[in-house]
């Protein structure tokens, strides 16, 4: 299943205030399909600390902001940071025959 669609479905189910048993089950199933580890988050406190008025910021806007921040990070720093930490700090060896992903590669969260 497309990761973007998975993310949107997970977001949809997580925004249901009082999910029924079927909705809870579907949410758990969807979350188990996303094979990646979260590396950061954003909160209204973060926005407030940066000087923004968060009194009317919806969960939907927060989700959109989180997605845009994740996309920005992936497009700018993700691949270089991943290589540095994996290779230099954790001693994870690189495959000899595998080319490094281009900077234009898009990682979907």
C-alpha atoms as a PDB file:
ATOM      1  CA  UNK A   1       0.000   0.000   0.000  1.00  0.00           C
ATOM      2  CA  UNK A   2       1.215   3.509  -0.788  1.00  0.00           C
ATOM      3  CA  UNK A   3       2.947   5.032   2.276  1.00  0.00           C
ATOM      4  CA  UNK A   4       1.289   8.402   1.757  1.00  0.00           C
ATOM      5  CA  UNK A   5      -2.109   6.751   1.813  1.00  0.00           C
ATOM      6  CA  UNK A   6      -1.118   4.773   4.912  1.00  0.00           C
ATOM      7  CA  UNK A   7      -0.088   7.971   6.666  1.00  0.00           C
ATOM      8  CA  UNK A   8      -3.335   9.692   5.717  1.00  0.00           C
ATOM      9  CA  UNK A   9      -5.414   6.759   6.949  1.00  0.00           C
ATOM     10  CA  UNK A  10      -3.492   6.582  10.228  1.00  0.00           C
ATOM     11  CA  UNK A  11      -4.008  10.332  10.666  1.00  0.00           C
ATOM     12  CA  UNK A  12      -7.719   9.979   9.862  1.00  0.00           C
ATOM     13  CA  UNK A  13      -8.245   7.243  12.457  1.00  0.00           C
ATOM     14  CA  UNK A  14      -6.099   8.997  15.084  1.00  0.00           C
ATOM     15  CA  UNK A  15      -8.318  12.089  14.853  1.00  0.00           C
ATOM     16  CA  UNK A  16     -11.502  10.178  15.723  1.00  0.00           C
ATOM     17  CA  UNK A  17     -12.354  11.302  19.261  1.00  0.00           C
ATOM     18  CA  UNK A  18     -14.185   8.171  20.371  1.00  0.00           C
ATOM     19  CA  UNK A  19     -13.280   5.344  17.991  1.00  0.00           C
ATOM     20  CA  UNK A  20     -15.407   2.223  18.048  1.00  0.00           C
ATOM     21  CA  UNK A  21     -13.806  -1.228  18.242  1.00  0.00           C
ATOM     22  CA  UNK A  22     -13.640  -1.616  14.451  1.00  0.00           C
ATOM     23  CA  UNK A  23     -11.949   1.751  14.070  1.00  0.00           C
ATOM     24  CA  UNK A  24      -9.432   0.913  16.819  1.00  0.00           C
ATOM     25  CA  UNK A  25      -8.681  -2.391  15.121  1.00  0.00           C
ATOM     26  CA  UNK A  26      -8.178  -0.736  11.721  1.00  0.00           C
ATOM     27  CA  UNK A  27      -5.924   1.912  13.227  1.00  0.00           C
ATOM     28  CA  UNK A  28      -3.705  -0.742  14.833  1.00  0.00           C
ATOM     29  CA  UNK A  29      -3.555  -2.702  11.580  1.00  0.00           C
ATOM     30  CA  UNK A  30      -2.560   0.398   9.623  1.00  0.00           C
ATOM     31  CA  UNK A  31       0.083   1.428  12.147  1.00  0.00           C
ATOM     32  CA  UNK A  32       1.646  -2.033  11.957  1.00  0.00           C
ATOM     33  CA  UNK A  33       2.008  -1.624   8.174  1.00  0.00           C
ATOM     34  CA  UNK A  34       4.270   1.413   8.460  1.00  0.00           C
ATOM     35  CA  UNK A  35       7.797  -0.031   8.569  1.00  0.00           C
ATOM     36  CA  UNK A  36       9.767   2.953   9.832  1.00  0.00           C
ATOM     37  CA  UNK A  37      10.831   4.497  13.111  1.00  0.00           C
ATOM     38  CA  UNK A  38       9.813   7.991  14.080  1.00  0.00           C
ATOM     39  CA  UNK A  39      12.694  10.384  14.598  1.00  0.00           C
ATOM     40  CA  UNK A  40      11.027  13.550  15.816  1.00  0.00           C
ATOM     41  CA  UNK A  41       7.761  15.262  16.543  1.00  0.00           C
ATOM     42  CA  UNK A  42       6.313  18.742  16.679  1.00  0.00           C
ATOM     43  CA  UNK A  43       3.924  20.158  19.254  1.00  0.00           C
ATOM     44  CA  UNK A  44       1.952  23.293  19.884  1.00  0.00           C
ATOM     45  CA  UNK A  45       4.512  24.078  22.595  1.00  0.00           C
ATOM     46  CA  UNK A  46       7.186  24.152  19.879  1.00  0.00           C
ATOM     47  CA  UNK A  47       5.134  26.657  17.887  1.00  0.00           C
ATOM     48  CA  UNK A  48       4.472  28.731  20.982  1.00  0.00           C
ATOM     49  CA  UNK A  49       8.167  28.773  21.872  1.00  0.00           C
ATOM     50  CA  UNK A  50       8.850  30.098  18.356  1.00  0.00           C
ATOM     51  CA  UNK A  51       6.443  32.981  19.046  1.00  0.00           C
ATOM     52  CA  UNK A  52       3.242  31.739  17.398  1.00  0.00           C
ATOM     53  CA  UNK A  53      -0.291  32.029  18.773  1.00  0.00           C
ATOM     54  CA  UNK A  54      -1.486  28.427  19.029  1.00  0.00           C
ATOM     55  CA  UNK A  55      -4.884  29.082  20.562  1.00  0.00           C
ATOM     56  CA  UNK A  56      -6.729  28.167  17.349  1.00  0.00           C
ATOM     57  CA  UNK A  57      -4.322  25.727  15.719  1.00  0.00           C
ATOM     58  CA  UNK A  58      -6.201  22.517  14.853  1.00  0.00           C
ATOM     59  CA  UNK A  59      -4.829  18.983  14.925  1.00  0.00           C
ATOM     60  CA  UNK A  60      -5.170  18.948  11.143  1.00  0.00           C
ATOM     61  CA  UNK A  61      -2.904  21.987  10.814  1.00  0.00           C
ATOM     62  CA  UNK A  62      -0.428  20.365  13.208  1.00  0.00           C
ATOM     63  CA  UNK A  63      -0.397  17.207  11.058  1.00  0.00           C
ATOM     64  CA  UNK A  64       0.210  19.269   7.933  1.00  0.00           C
ATOM     65  CA  UNK A  65       3.029  21.176   9.663  1.00  0.00           C
ATOM     66  CA  UNK A  66       4.605  17.911  10.833  1.00  0.00           C
ATOM     67  CA  UNK A  67       4.463  16.539   7.287  1.00  0.00           C
ATOM     68  CA  UNK A  68       6.044  19.649   5.813  1.00  0.00           C
ATOM     69  CA  UNK A  69       8.814  19.604   8.428  1.00  0.00           C
ATOM     70  CA  UNK A  70       9.471  15.914   7.725  1.00  0.00           C
ATOM     71  CA  UNK A  71       9.597  16.534   3.969  1.00  0.00           C
ATOM     72  CA  UNK A  72      11.966  19.467   4.452  1.00  0.00           C
ATOM     73  CA  UNK A  73      14.263  17.429   6.688  1.00  0.00           C
ATOM     74  CA  UNK A  74      14.294  14.512   4.243  1.00  0.00           C
ATOM     75  CA  UNK A  75      15.077  16.788   1.318  1.00  0.00           C
ATOM     76  CA  UNK A  76      17.894  18.658   3.064  1.00  0.00           C
ATOM     77  CA  UNK A  77      19.638  16.770   5.864  1.00  0.00           C
ATOM     78  CA  UNK A  78      18.285  13.267   6.192  1.00  0.00           C
ATOM     79  CA  UNK A  79      20.612  11.364   3.840  1.00  0.00           C
ATOM     80  CA  UNK A  80      23.826  13.054   4.941  1.00  0.00           C
ATOM     81  CA  UNK A  81      22.935  12.722   8.637  1.00  0.00           C
ATOM     82  CA  UNK A  82      21.891   9.092   8.155  1.00  0.00           C
ATOM     83  CA  UNK A  83      25.255   8.279   6.539  1.00  0.00           C
ATOM     84  CA  UNK A  84      27.285  10.084   9.186  1.00  0.00           C
ATOM     85  CA  UNK A  85      25.524   8.529  12.166  1.00  0.00           C
ATOM     86  CA  UNK A  86      25.225   5.042  10.705  1.00  0.00           C
ATOM     87  CA  UNK A  87      28.788   4.796   9.430  1.00  0.00           C
ATOM     88  CA  UNK A  88      30.858   6.963  11.770  1.00  0.00           C
ATOM     89  CA  UNK A  89      28.977   6.670  15.049  1.00  0.00           C
ATOM     90  CA  UNK A  90      27.392   3.208  14.863  1.00  0.00           C
ATOM     91  CA  UNK A  91      29.905   1.464  12.566  1.00  0.00           C
ATOM     92  CA  UNK A  92      27.218   0.112  10.247  1.00  0.00           C
ATOM     93  CA  UNK A  93      29.073  -1.014   7.112  1.00  0.00           C
ATOM     94  CA  UNK A  94      27.957   0.017   3.649  1.00  0.00           C
ATOM     95  CA  UNK A  95      27.341  -2.554   0.928  1.00  0.00           C
ATOM     96  CA  UNK A  96      30.098  -2.531  -1.648  1.00  0.00           C
ATOM     97  CA  UNK A  97      27.859  -2.815  -4.731  1.00  0.00           C
ATOM     98  CA  UNK A  98      25.019  -0.478  -3.748  1.00  0.00           C
ATOM     99  CA  UNK A  99      24.971   3.092  -5.014  1.00  0.00           C
ATOM    100  CA  UNK A 100      24.128   5.823  -2.517  1.00  0.00           C
ATOM    101  CA  UNK A 101      20.609   7.300  -2.924  1.00  0.00           C
ATOM    102  CA  UNK A 102      20.630  10.570  -4.822  1.00  0.00           C
ATOM    103  CA  UNK A 103      19.813  13.778  -2.995  1.00  0.00           C
ATOM    104  CA  UNK A 104      16.637  13.905  -5.098  1.00  0.00           C
ATOM    105  CA  UNK A 105      15.341  10.685  -3.562  1.00  0.00           C
ATOM    106  CA  UNK A 106      12.208  11.193  -1.527  1.00  0.00           C
ATOM    107  CA  UNK A 107      11.777   9.261   1.672  1.00  0.00           C
ATOM    108  CA  UNK A 108       8.129   8.931   2.653  1.00  0.00           C
ATOM    109  CA  UNK A 109       7.222   8.961   6.316  1.00  0.00           C
END
